[in-house]
């Protein structure tokens, strides 16, 4: 896929998860960022396009905890593809707001065994807990 198409898919996924406000490309041009506001005790889900048949998956790159905690991450294959080999899906990352403050969650799309290779995509969400 072309870079613009990938960015559009990530941006769409961020919008679907409930992130709102200003959305901009990251400094390296390979990802997107968004913002979300929650109250202490509320949970939220970050949904990102993924295709695990390629070996790529999303990993948590940055989360300075104390404000939000990761609850789970689940991969869901596209239902319309009928579990066809090579079809993609969605990774759903669930977090819970546990204390007031602001934190950035950064996720990277990479192959876990490729340690010295930068991720092909990144996505960030700034979370403000009130």
C-alpha atoms as a PDB file:
ATOM      1  CA  UNK A   1       0.000   0.000   0.000  1.00  0.00           C
ATOM      2  CA  UNK A   2       1.087   3.508  -0.553  1.00  0.00           C
ATOM      3  CA  UNK A   3       2.122   5.696   2.376  1.00  0.00           C
ATOM      4  CA  UNK A   4      -0.913   8.004   2.000  1.00  0.00           C
ATOM      5  CA  UNK A   5      -3.299   5.050   1.987  1.00  0.00           C
ATOM      6  CA  UNK A   6      -1.710   3.634   5.150  1.00  0.00           C
ATOM      7  CA  UNK A   7      -1.948   6.988   6.889  1.00  0.00           C
ATOM      8  CA  UNK A   8      -5.597   7.281   5.864  1.00  0.00           C
ATOM      9  CA  UNK A   9      -6.328   3.803   7.260  1.00  0.00           C
ATOM     10  CA  UNK A  10      -4.689   4.625  10.580  1.00  0.00           C
ATOM     11  CA  UNK A  11      -6.460   7.960  10.769  1.00  0.00           C
ATOM     12  CA  UNK A  12      -9.785   6.225  10.105  1.00  0.00           C
ATOM     13  CA  UNK A  13      -9.015   3.690  12.810  1.00  0.00           C
ATOM     14  CA  UNK A  14      -8.186   6.446  15.292  1.00  0.00           C
ATOM     15  CA  UNK A  15     -11.458   8.184  14.511  1.00  0.00           C
ATOM     16  CA  UNK A  16     -13.341   4.908  15.012  1.00  0.00           C
ATOM     17  CA  UNK A  17     -11.799   4.465  18.446  1.00  0.00           C
ATOM     18  CA  UNK A  18     -13.261   7.722  19.646  1.00  0.00           C
ATOM     19  CA  UNK A  19     -10.218   9.948  19.474  1.00  0.00           C
ATOM     20  CA  UNK A  20     -11.235  13.384  18.406  1.00  0.00           C
ATOM     21  CA  UNK A  21      -9.877  16.896  18.104  1.00  0.00           C
ATOM     22  CA  UNK A  22      -6.778  17.700  16.037  1.00  0.00           C
ATOM     23  CA  UNK A  23      -5.135  14.871  14.115  1.00  0.00           C
ATOM     24  CA  UNK A  24      -1.712  15.345  12.579  1.00  0.00           C
ATOM     25  CA  UNK A  25       1.059  13.277  11.076  1.00  0.00           C
ATOM     26  CA  UNK A  26       3.975  12.403  13.333  1.00  0.00           C
ATOM     27  CA  UNK A  27       7.381  13.987  12.763  1.00  0.00           C
ATOM     28  CA  UNK A  28       8.703  11.047  10.734  1.00  0.00           C
ATOM     29  CA  UNK A  29       5.656  11.021   8.460  1.00  0.00           C
ATOM     30  CA  UNK A  30       4.874   7.355   9.125  1.00  0.00           C
ATOM     31  CA  UNK A  31       2.020   7.672  11.569  1.00  0.00           C
ATOM     32  CA  UNK A  32      -0.829   9.632  12.969  1.00  0.00           C
ATOM     33  CA  UNK A  33      -1.745  11.129  16.296  1.00  0.00           C
ATOM     34  CA  UNK A  34      -5.010  12.001  17.977  1.00  0.00           C
ATOM     35  CA  UNK A  35      -6.393  13.105  21.333  1.00  0.00           C
ATOM     36  CA  UNK A  36      -9.011  11.717  23.691  1.00  0.00           C
ATOM     37  CA  UNK A  37     -10.483  12.897  26.992  1.00  0.00           C
ATOM     38  CA  UNK A  38     -11.785  10.469  29.633  1.00  0.00           C
ATOM     39  CA  UNK A  39     -12.760  10.465  33.293  1.00  0.00           C
ATOM     40  CA  UNK A  40     -11.052   8.341  35.935  1.00  0.00           C
ATOM     41  CA  UNK A  41     -12.481   4.820  35.763  1.00  0.00           C
ATOM     42  CA  UNK A  42     -13.520   4.997  32.106  1.00  0.00           C
ATOM     43  CA  UNK A  43     -12.122   2.594  29.525  1.00  0.00           C
ATOM     44  CA  UNK A  44     -11.408   3.231  25.868  1.00  0.00           C
ATOM     45  CA  UNK A  45     -10.320   1.198  22.852  1.00  0.00           C
ATOM     46  CA  UNK A  46      -7.736   2.042  20.205  1.00  0.00           C
ATOM     47  CA  UNK A  47      -8.510   0.175  16.960  1.00  0.00           C
ATOM     48  CA  UNK A  48      -5.800  -0.142  14.326  1.00  0.00           C
ATOM     49  CA  UNK A  49      -5.769  -1.857  10.927  1.00  0.00           C
ATOM     50  CA  UNK A  50      -3.464  -4.882  10.975  1.00  0.00           C
ATOM     51  CA  UNK A  51      -2.517  -7.902   8.905  1.00  0.00           C
ATOM     52  CA  UNK A  52      -0.787 -10.522  11.010  1.00  0.00           C
ATOM     53  CA  UNK A  53      -0.332 -12.840   8.028  1.00  0.00           C
ATOM     54  CA  UNK A  54       2.534 -10.526   6.996  1.00  0.00           C
ATOM     55  CA  UNK A  55       4.289 -10.981  10.322  1.00  0.00           C
ATOM     56  CA  UNK A  56       3.528  -7.406  11.349  1.00  0.00           C
ATOM     57  CA  UNK A  57       1.602  -6.529  14.486  1.00  0.00           C
ATOM     58  CA  UNK A  58       1.157  -3.508  16.728  1.00  0.00           C
ATOM     59  CA  UNK A  59       3.304  -3.224  19.852  1.00  0.00           C
ATOM     60  CA  UNK A  60       3.172  -0.767  22.709  1.00  0.00           C
ATOM     61  CA  UNK A  61       6.162   1.537  22.264  1.00  0.00           C
ATOM     62  CA  UNK A  62       5.408   4.198  24.859  1.00  0.00           C
ATOM     63  CA  UNK A  63       3.118   4.413  27.852  1.00  0.00           C
ATOM     64  CA  UNK A  64       4.341   6.202  30.954  1.00  0.00           C
ATOM     65  CA  UNK A  65       1.861   4.676  33.303  1.00  0.00           C
ATOM     66  CA  UNK A  66       0.103   5.892  36.369  1.00  0.00           C
ATOM     67  CA  UNK A  67      -2.584   7.706  34.355  1.00  0.00           C
ATOM     68  CA  UNK A  68      -3.830   4.924  32.076  1.00  0.00           C
ATOM     69  CA  UNK A  69      -3.262   1.183  32.205  1.00  0.00           C
ATOM     70  CA  UNK A  70      -3.352  -1.352  29.390  1.00  0.00           C
ATOM     71  CA  UNK A  71      -6.186  -3.819  29.924  1.00  0.00           C
ATOM     72  CA  UNK A  72      -5.861  -6.006  26.814  1.00  0.00           C
ATOM     73  CA  UNK A  73      -4.924  -6.254  23.160  1.00  0.00           C
ATOM     74  CA  UNK A  74      -6.866  -8.504  20.807  1.00  0.00           C
ATOM     75  CA  UNK A  75      -6.550  -9.219  17.067  1.00  0.00           C
ATOM     76  CA  UNK A  76      -9.828  -9.646  15.168  1.00  0.00           C
ATOM     77  CA  UNK A  77      -9.674 -10.873  11.550  1.00  0.00           C
ATOM     78  CA  UNK A  78     -11.969  -9.133   9.069  1.00  0.00           C
ATOM     79  CA  UNK A  79     -15.298 -10.953   9.097  1.00  0.00           C
ATOM     80  CA  UNK A  80     -16.073 -10.079   5.474  1.00  0.00           C
ATOM     81  CA  UNK A  81     -12.898 -11.787   4.273  1.00  0.00           C
ATOM     82  CA  UNK A  82     -14.126 -15.157   5.514  1.00  0.00           C
ATOM     83  CA  UNK A  83     -10.774 -15.990   7.143  1.00  0.00           C
ATOM     84  CA  UNK A  84      -8.993 -15.968   3.794  1.00  0.00           C
ATOM     85  CA  UNK A  85      -5.230 -16.367   4.096  1.00  0.00           C
ATOM     86  CA  UNK A  86      -3.633 -12.974   3.605  1.00  0.00           C
ATOM     87  CA  UNK A  87      -6.662 -10.982   4.707  1.00  0.00           C
ATOM     88  CA  UNK A  88      -6.226  -8.357   7.382  1.00  0.00           C
ATOM     89  CA  UNK A  89      -8.065  -7.385  10.493  1.00  0.00           C
ATOM     90  CA  UNK A  90      -8.172  -4.979  13.399  1.00  0.00           C
ATOM     91  CA  UNK A  91      -6.116  -4.888  16.575  1.00  0.00           C
ATOM     92  CA  UNK A  92      -8.116  -3.569  19.510  1.00  0.00           C
ATOM     93  CA  UNK A  93      -6.083  -2.150  22.405  1.00  0.00           C
ATOM     94  CA  UNK A  94      -8.150  -1.509  25.543  1.00  0.00           C
ATOM     95  CA  UNK A  95      -6.954   0.926  28.209  1.00  0.00           C
ATOM     96  CA  UNK A  96      -8.454   2.212  31.456  1.00  0.00           C
ATOM     97  CA  UNK A  97      -8.077   5.716  32.901  1.00  0.00           C
ATOM     98  CA  UNK A  98      -6.830   5.322  36.492  1.00  0.00           C
ATOM     99  CA  UNK A  99      -5.659   8.809  37.575  1.00  0.00           C
ATOM    100  CA  UNK A 100      -5.936  12.449  36.508  1.00  0.00           C
ATOM    101  CA  UNK A 101      -3.312  13.765  34.102  1.00  0.00           C
ATOM    102  CA  UNK A 102      -2.144  13.579  30.500  1.00  0.00           C
ATOM    103  CA  UNK A 103      -0.190  10.769  28.853  1.00  0.00           C
ATOM    104  CA  UNK A 104       0.758   9.738  25.331  1.00  0.00           C
ATOM    105  CA  UNK A 105       0.223   6.184  24.115  1.00  0.00           C
ATOM    106  CA  UNK A 106       2.455   5.278  21.162  1.00  0.00           C
ATOM    107  CA  UNK A 107       2.030   2.072  19.183  1.00  0.00           C
ATOM    108  CA  UNK A 108       4.369   0.741  16.490  1.00  0.00           C
ATOM    109  CA  UNK A 109       3.580  -1.598  13.594  1.00  0.00           C
ATOM    110  CA  UNK A 110       6.549  -3.920  13.198  1.00  0.00           C
ATOM    111  CA  UNK A 111       7.707  -7.505  13.026  1.00  0.00           C
ATOM    112  CA  UNK A 112       8.677  -8.602  16.548  1.00  0.00           C
ATOM    113  CA  UNK A 113      11.822 -10.467  15.445  1.00  0.00           C
ATOM    114  CA  UNK A 114      13.256  -7.505  13.503  1.00  0.00           C
ATOM    115  CA  UNK A 115      14.946  -5.737  16.425  1.00  0.00           C
ATOM    116  CA  UNK A 116      17.149  -3.261  14.504  1.00  0.00           C
ATOM    117  CA  UNK A 117      14.582  -2.254  11.876  1.00  0.00           C
ATOM    118  CA  UNK A 118      12.337   0.755  12.541  1.00  0.00           C
ATOM    119  CA  UNK A 119       8.560   0.205  12.533  1.00  0.00           C
ATOM    120  CA  UNK A 120       6.733   0.706   9.240  1.00  0.00           C
ATOM    121  CA  UNK A 121       3.980   2.716  10.961  1.00  0.00           C
ATOM    122  CA  UNK A 122       3.357   4.463  14.258  1.00  0.00           C
ATOM    123  CA  UNK A 123       0.186   5.736  15.893  1.00  0.00           C
ATOM    124  CA  UNK A 124      -0.071   7.986  18.938  1.00  0.00           C
ATOM    125  CA  UNK A 125      -2.954   9.062  21.096  1.00  0.00           C
ATOM    126  CA  UNK A 126      -2.680  11.726  23.772  1.00  0.00           C
ATOM    127  CA  UNK A 127      -5.053  10.901  26.606  1.00  0.00           C
ATOM    128  CA  UNK A 128      -6.213  13.477  29.120  1.00  0.00           C
ATOM    129  CA  UNK A 129      -7.913  12.073  32.207  1.00  0.00           C
ATOM    130  CA  UNK A 130     -10.083  14.472  34.212  1.00  0.00           C
END
